[in-house]
Structure formats: C-alpha cells, structure tokens
Amino acid sequence: MEFEVTRDIRNELLARREVDFILRFDGPTPSRVQVVGKLAAQLNVGEDQVVLDSMKTSYGMTELRGNARIYDSKEAKEKTERSYLVTRGMPKPKEEA
C-alpha cells in the first residue's frame, strides 16, 4: 500500500489535525481498520486518536481517497466526535457462549 497525504490542516479550536489522503493498493479494497492502522503508522500517532471520516473509491481503480481527523488526545476525541463515527468499522467484540 502506498500512502500520500494531500492536505494536512491544524484545527486548534478542536485540538485536532484534519487530513486528506490518497491510498494506492493492490488487490481488494482495504478495510477501515487497515486504513486507520496505516494512517496512524504513517503519521506517528496512536490508533485511538484517529477517526476515519470517509473513504471513496472509483470503479476499476486501485486508489482510495479519504479524509480523517487526528486528535491530540483520546479525551478530546470523545468530547468532540460523534459516537457512530468512532465505532464504525471497528471489529465487534466476540460473544462468549
């Protein structure tokens, strides 16, 4: 996977960075968990500070465009971000039988 940041803006009021990116990949489209992991590793932040807003692919292309928000702390993320965006794409906890 090849990762490129196209826009990186600092939002001091909400204590976060707003990032637009392009991800080029081979094979099937990566999951949201994989994209968050790659984004966190590339920008040297924890995965619990990243919220992936949108991912868009074009038909027949192995390129994904998206935008994400990277918070300074987990507390700032929980205070600002909508709950369904935080839990979207995360693996569900397995139920014990």
N, C-alpha and C. Protein backbone atom coordinates (compact mmCIF):
# COMPACT_ATOMS: atom_id res chain seq x y z
N MET A 1 0.84 -1.18 0.00
CA MET A 1 0.00 0.00 0.00
C MET A 1 0.88 1.24 0.00
N GLU A 2 0.55 2.16 -0.87
CA GLU A 2 1.27 3.43 -0.96
C GLU A 2 0.36 4.53 -0.44
N PHE A 3 0.87 5.31 0.48
CA PHE A 3 0.08 6.31 1.19
C PHE A 3 0.60 7.70 0.90
N GLU A 4 -0.30 8.64 0.57
CA GLU A 4 0.09 10.02 0.28
C GLU A 4 -0.88 10.98 0.94
N VAL A 5 -0.37 11.91 1.74
CA VAL A 5 -1.19 12.94 2.38
C VAL A 5 -1.29 14.11 1.41
N THR A 6 -2.52 14.49 1.06
CA THR A 6 -2.71 15.59 0.12
C THR A 6 -3.00 16.92 0.82
N ARG A 7 -3.55 16.86 2.04
CA ARG A 7 -3.85 18.08 2.79
C ARG A 7 -3.75 17.76 4.27
N ASP A 8 -3.09 18.62 5.02
CA ASP A 8 -2.93 18.43 6.46
C ASP A 8 -3.09 19.80 7.12
N ILE A 9 -4.25 20.02 7.74
CA ILE A 9 -4.56 21.31 8.35
C ILE A 9 -4.73 21.14 9.86
N ARG A 10 -4.21 22.05 10.61
CA ARG A 10 -4.33 22.03 12.07
C ARG A 10 -5.55 22.85 12.49
N ASN A 11 -6.43 22.28 13.32
CA ASN A 11 -7.60 22.96 13.85
C ASN A 11 -7.38 23.11 15.36
N GLU A 12 -6.88 24.26 15.78
CA GLU A 12 -6.54 24.49 17.19
C GLU A 12 -7.78 24.51 18.08
N LEU A 13 -8.89 25.01 17.58
CA LEU A 13 -10.10 25.13 18.38
C LEU A 13 -10.59 23.76 18.86
N LEU A 14 -10.50 22.75 18.01
CA LEU A 14 -10.96 21.41 18.36
C LEU A 14 -9.81 20.46 18.71
N ALA A 15 -8.59 20.96 18.78
CA ALA A 15 -7.40 20.19 19.15
C ALA A 15 -7.23 18.97 18.27
N ARG A 16 -7.20 19.21 16.94
CA ARG A 16 -7.06 18.09 16.01
C ARG A 16 -6.41 18.53 14.71
N ARG A 17 -5.96 17.54 13.95
CA ARG A 17 -5.47 17.73 12.59
C ARG A 17 -6.51 17.14 11.64
N GLU A 18 -6.76 17.82 10.55
CA GLU A 18 -7.69 17.33 9.54
C GLU A 18 -6.87 16.97 8.31
N VAL A 19 -6.93 15.68 7.91
CA VAL A 19 -6.04 15.15 6.90
C VAL A 19 -6.85 14.56 5.75
N ASP A 20 -6.48 14.92 4.52
CA ASP A 20 -6.99 14.27 3.31
C ASP A 20 -5.86 13.42 2.77
N PHE A 21 -6.20 12.25 2.23
CA PHE A 21 -5.15 11.34 1.78
C PHE A 21 -5.60 10.54 0.57
N ILE A 22 -4.60 9.97 -0.11
CA ILE A 22 -4.80 9.03 -1.21
C ILE A 22 -4.04 7.77 -0.84
N LEU A 23 -4.70 6.63 -0.96
CA LEU A 23 -4.09 5.34 -0.65
C LEU A 23 -4.17 4.48 -1.90
N ARG A 24 -3.03 4.06 -2.42
CA ARG A 24 -2.99 3.17 -3.58
C ARG A 24 -2.70 1.76 -3.07
N PHE A 25 -3.45 0.79 -3.57
CA PHE A 25 -3.36 -0.57 -3.06
C PHE A 25 -3.45 -1.58 -4.20
N ASP A 26 -3.04 -2.81 -3.93
CA ASP A 26 -3.19 -3.93 -4.86
C ASP A 26 -4.18 -4.91 -4.26
N GLY A 27 -5.02 -5.48 -5.09
CA GLY A 27 -5.99 -6.46 -4.61
C GLY A 27 -7.26 -5.79 -4.14
N PRO A 28 -7.94 -6.41 -3.17
CA PRO A 28 -9.22 -5.86 -2.71
C PRO A 28 -9.04 -4.57 -1.91
N THR A 29 -10.12 -3.82 -1.80
CA THR A 29 -10.11 -2.56 -1.05
C THR A 29 -9.82 -2.85 0.42
N PRO A 30 -8.87 -2.14 1.04
CA PRO A 30 -8.56 -2.36 2.45
C PRO A 30 -9.74 -1.98 3.35
N SER A 31 -9.84 -2.65 4.49
CA SER A 31 -10.90 -2.35 5.44
C SER A 31 -10.58 -1.05 6.18
N ARG A 32 -11.60 -0.54 6.88
CA ARG A 32 -11.42 0.70 7.65
C ARG A 32 -10.36 0.51 8.73
N VAL A 33 -10.30 -0.67 9.34
CA VAL A 33 -9.31 -0.94 10.38
C VAL A 33 -7.90 -0.88 9.80
N GLN A 34 -7.71 -1.45 8.61
CA GLN A 34 -6.40 -1.43 7.97
C GLN A 34 -6.00 0.00 7.60
N VAL A 35 -6.95 0.78 7.11
CA VAL A 35 -6.65 2.17 6.73
C VAL A 35 -6.29 2.99 7.96
N VAL A 36 -7.02 2.83 9.05
CA VAL A 36 -6.70 3.55 10.29
C VAL A 36 -5.31 3.16 10.79
N GLY A 37 -4.98 1.87 10.74
CA GLY A 37 -3.67 1.41 11.16
C GLY A 37 -2.55 2.00 10.32
N LYS A 38 -2.74 2.03 9.01
CA LYS A 38 -1.74 2.58 8.10
C LYS A 38 -1.59 4.10 8.32
N LEU A 39 -2.71 4.78 8.49
CA LEU A 39 -2.69 6.22 8.72
C LEU A 39 -1.98 6.56 10.03
N ALA A 40 -2.28 5.81 11.09
CA ALA A 40 -1.65 6.06 12.38
C ALA A 40 -0.15 5.80 12.31
N ALA A 41 0.25 4.73 11.62
CA ALA A 41 1.67 4.43 11.49
C ALA A 41 2.39 5.49 10.66
N GLN A 42 1.77 5.95 9.60
CA GLN A 42 2.39 6.93 8.72
C GLN A 42 2.57 8.28 9.41
N LEU A 43 1.58 8.68 10.22
CA LEU A 43 1.62 9.99 10.88
C LEU A 43 2.14 9.92 12.31
N ASN A 44 2.55 8.72 12.75
CA ASN A 44 3.18 8.52 14.05
C ASN A 44 2.28 8.95 15.21
N VAL A 45 1.03 8.46 15.21
CA VAL A 45 0.08 8.71 16.29
C VAL A 45 -0.56 7.38 16.67
N GLY A 46 -1.27 7.36 17.80
CA GLY A 46 -1.95 6.16 18.23
C GLY A 46 -3.25 5.95 17.45
N GLU A 47 -3.63 4.69 17.25
CA GLU A 47 -4.86 4.38 16.52
C GLU A 47 -6.09 4.89 17.25
N ASP A 48 -6.03 5.03 18.59
CA ASP A 48 -7.18 5.50 19.34
C ASP A 48 -7.40 7.01 19.20
N GLN A 49 -6.50 7.71 18.53
CA GLN A 49 -6.65 9.15 18.30
C GLN A 49 -7.18 9.47 16.90
N VAL A 50 -7.33 8.46 16.05
CA VAL A 50 -7.69 8.66 14.66
C VAL A 50 -9.17 8.32 14.44
N VAL A 51 -9.88 9.20 13.72
CA VAL A 51 -11.26 8.95 13.30
C VAL A 51 -11.28 9.06 11.79
N LEU A 52 -11.65 7.96 11.14
CA LEU A 52 -11.74 7.93 9.68
C LEU A 52 -13.13 8.39 9.28
N ASP A 53 -13.21 9.50 8.57
CA ASP A 53 -14.50 10.08 8.21
C ASP A 53 -15.06 9.42 6.96
N SER A 54 -14.35 9.46 5.86
CA SER A 54 -14.88 8.86 4.63
C SER A 54 -13.78 8.22 3.81
N MET A 55 -14.18 7.24 3.02
CA MET A 55 -13.31 6.55 2.08
C MET A 55 -14.09 6.41 0.78
N LYS A 56 -13.49 6.81 -0.32
CA LYS A 56 -14.17 6.72 -1.61
C LYS A 56 -13.24 6.10 -2.64
N THR A 57 -13.76 5.14 -3.38
CA THR A 57 -13.01 4.53 -4.47
C THR A 57 -13.77 4.75 -5.76
N SER A 58 -13.05 4.75 -6.86
CA SER A 58 -13.66 4.84 -8.18
C SER A 58 -13.66 3.46 -8.81
N TYR A 59 -14.64 3.19 -9.62
CA TYR A 59 -14.78 1.89 -10.25
C TYR A 59 -13.55 1.58 -11.11
N GLY A 60 -12.99 0.40 -10.91
CA GLY A 60 -11.86 -0.05 -11.71
C GLY A 60 -10.52 0.52 -11.30
N MET A 61 -10.48 1.34 -10.29
CA MET A 61 -9.22 1.95 -9.85
C MET A 61 -8.76 1.30 -8.55
N THR A 62 -7.48 1.21 -8.38
CA THR A 62 -6.93 0.71 -7.12
C THR A 62 -6.41 1.89 -6.31
N GLU A 63 -7.27 2.88 -6.16
CA GLU A 63 -6.92 4.10 -5.44
C GLU A 63 -8.10 4.50 -4.56
N LEU A 64 -7.80 4.89 -3.36
CA LEU A 64 -8.82 5.26 -2.40
C LEU A 64 -8.54 6.67 -1.93
N ARG A 65 -9.54 7.52 -1.93
CA ARG A 65 -9.41 8.88 -1.41
C ARG A 65 -10.23 8.98 -0.13
N GLY A 66 -9.69 9.61 0.86
CA GLY A 66 -10.42 9.71 2.12
C GLY A 66 -9.98 10.91 2.94
N ASN A 67 -10.72 11.10 4.03
CA ASN A 67 -10.32 12.13 4.98
C ASN A 67 -10.51 11.60 6.39
N ALA A 68 -9.64 12.10 7.27
CA ALA A 68 -9.63 11.64 8.65
C ALA A 68 -9.31 12.81 9.57
N ARG A 69 -9.60 12.61 10.83
CA ARG A 69 -9.29 13.60 11.86
C ARG A 69 -8.41 12.93 12.92
N ILE A 70 -7.34 13.60 13.29
CA ILE A 70 -6.40 13.07 14.26
C ILE A 70 -6.38 14.01 15.45
N TYR A 71 -6.82 13.51 16.59
CA TYR A 71 -6.94 14.32 17.80
C TYR A 71 -5.67 14.28 18.61
N ASP A 72 -5.46 15.31 19.43
CA ASP A 72 -4.29 15.39 20.29
C ASP A 72 -4.36 14.35 21.41
N SER A 73 -5.57 14.05 21.88
CA SER A 73 -5.74 13.07 22.95
C SER A 73 -7.05 12.31 22.75
N LYS A 74 -7.16 11.20 23.43
CA LYS A 74 -8.38 10.39 23.34
C LYS A 74 -9.56 11.14 23.97
N GLU A 75 -9.30 11.93 25.01
CA GLU A 75 -10.35 12.70 25.67
C GLU A 75 -10.94 13.76 24.74
N ALA A 76 -10.08 14.41 23.97
CA ALA A 76 -10.55 15.42 23.01
C ALA A 76 -11.41 14.76 21.93
N LYS A 77 -11.03 13.56 21.53
CA LYS A 77 -11.81 12.84 20.53
C LYS A 77 -13.18 12.47 21.06
N GLU A 78 -13.24 11.96 22.27
CA GLU A 78 -14.52 11.55 22.86
C GLU A 78 -15.43 12.74 23.12
N LYS A 79 -14.85 13.90 23.41
CA LYS A 79 -15.64 15.09 23.69
C LYS A 79 -16.25 15.67 22.41
N THR A 80 -15.54 15.56 21.30
CA THR A 80 -15.93 16.22 20.07
C THR A 80 -16.65 15.32 19.07
N GLU A 81 -16.17 14.11 18.91
CA GLU A 81 -16.60 13.24 17.82
C GLU A 81 -17.92 12.54 18.09
N ARG A 82 -18.70 12.33 17.02
CA ARG A 82 -19.96 11.60 17.13
C ARG A 82 -19.66 10.12 17.37
N SER A 83 -20.46 9.48 18.21
CA SER A 83 -20.16 8.12 18.66
C SER A 83 -20.19 7.10 17.53
N TYR A 84 -21.08 7.27 16.54
CA TYR A 84 -21.15 6.27 15.49
C TYR A 84 -19.92 6.30 14.58
N LEU A 85 -19.26 7.46 14.46
CA LEU A 85 -18.04 7.51 13.67
C LEU A 85 -16.88 6.84 14.39
N VAL A 86 -16.89 6.91 15.71
CA VAL A 86 -15.82 6.29 16.49
C VAL A 86 -15.90 4.77 16.39
N THR A 87 -17.11 4.22 16.42
CA THR A 87 -17.27 2.77 16.41
C THR A 87 -17.40 2.18 15.01
N ARG A 88 -17.56 2.99 13.99
CA ARG A 88 -17.74 2.48 12.62
C ARG A 88 -16.50 1.75 12.15
N GLY A 89 -16.71 0.54 11.66
CA GLY A 89 -15.63 -0.24 11.09
C GLY A 89 -14.78 -0.99 12.10
N MET A 90 -15.00 -0.78 13.37
CA MET A 90 -14.22 -1.50 14.37
C MET A 90 -14.79 -2.90 14.54
N PRO A 91 -13.95 -3.89 14.80
CA PRO A 91 -14.47 -5.24 14.98
C PRO A 91 -15.36 -5.33 16.21
N LYS A 92 -16.45 -6.07 16.09
CA LYS A 92 -17.37 -6.23 17.20
C LYS A 92 -16.79 -7.23 18.21
N PRO A 93 -17.03 -7.00 19.50
CA PRO A 93 -16.50 -7.95 20.49
C PRO A 93 -17.21 -9.29 20.33
N LYS A 94 -16.43 -10.36 20.47
CA LYS A 94 -17.00 -11.70 20.31
C LYS A 94 -17.78 -12.08 21.56
N GLU A 95 -18.95 -12.66 21.33
CA GLU A 95 -19.78 -13.09 22.45
C GLU A 95 -19.29 -14.44 22.96
N GLU A 96 -19.30 -14.57 24.27
CA GLU A 96 -18.89 -15.83 24.87
C GLU A 96 -20.09 -16.75 24.98
N ALA A 97 -19.91 -18.00 24.62
CA ALA A 97 -21.03 -18.94 24.63
C ALA A 97 -21.26 -19.53 26.00
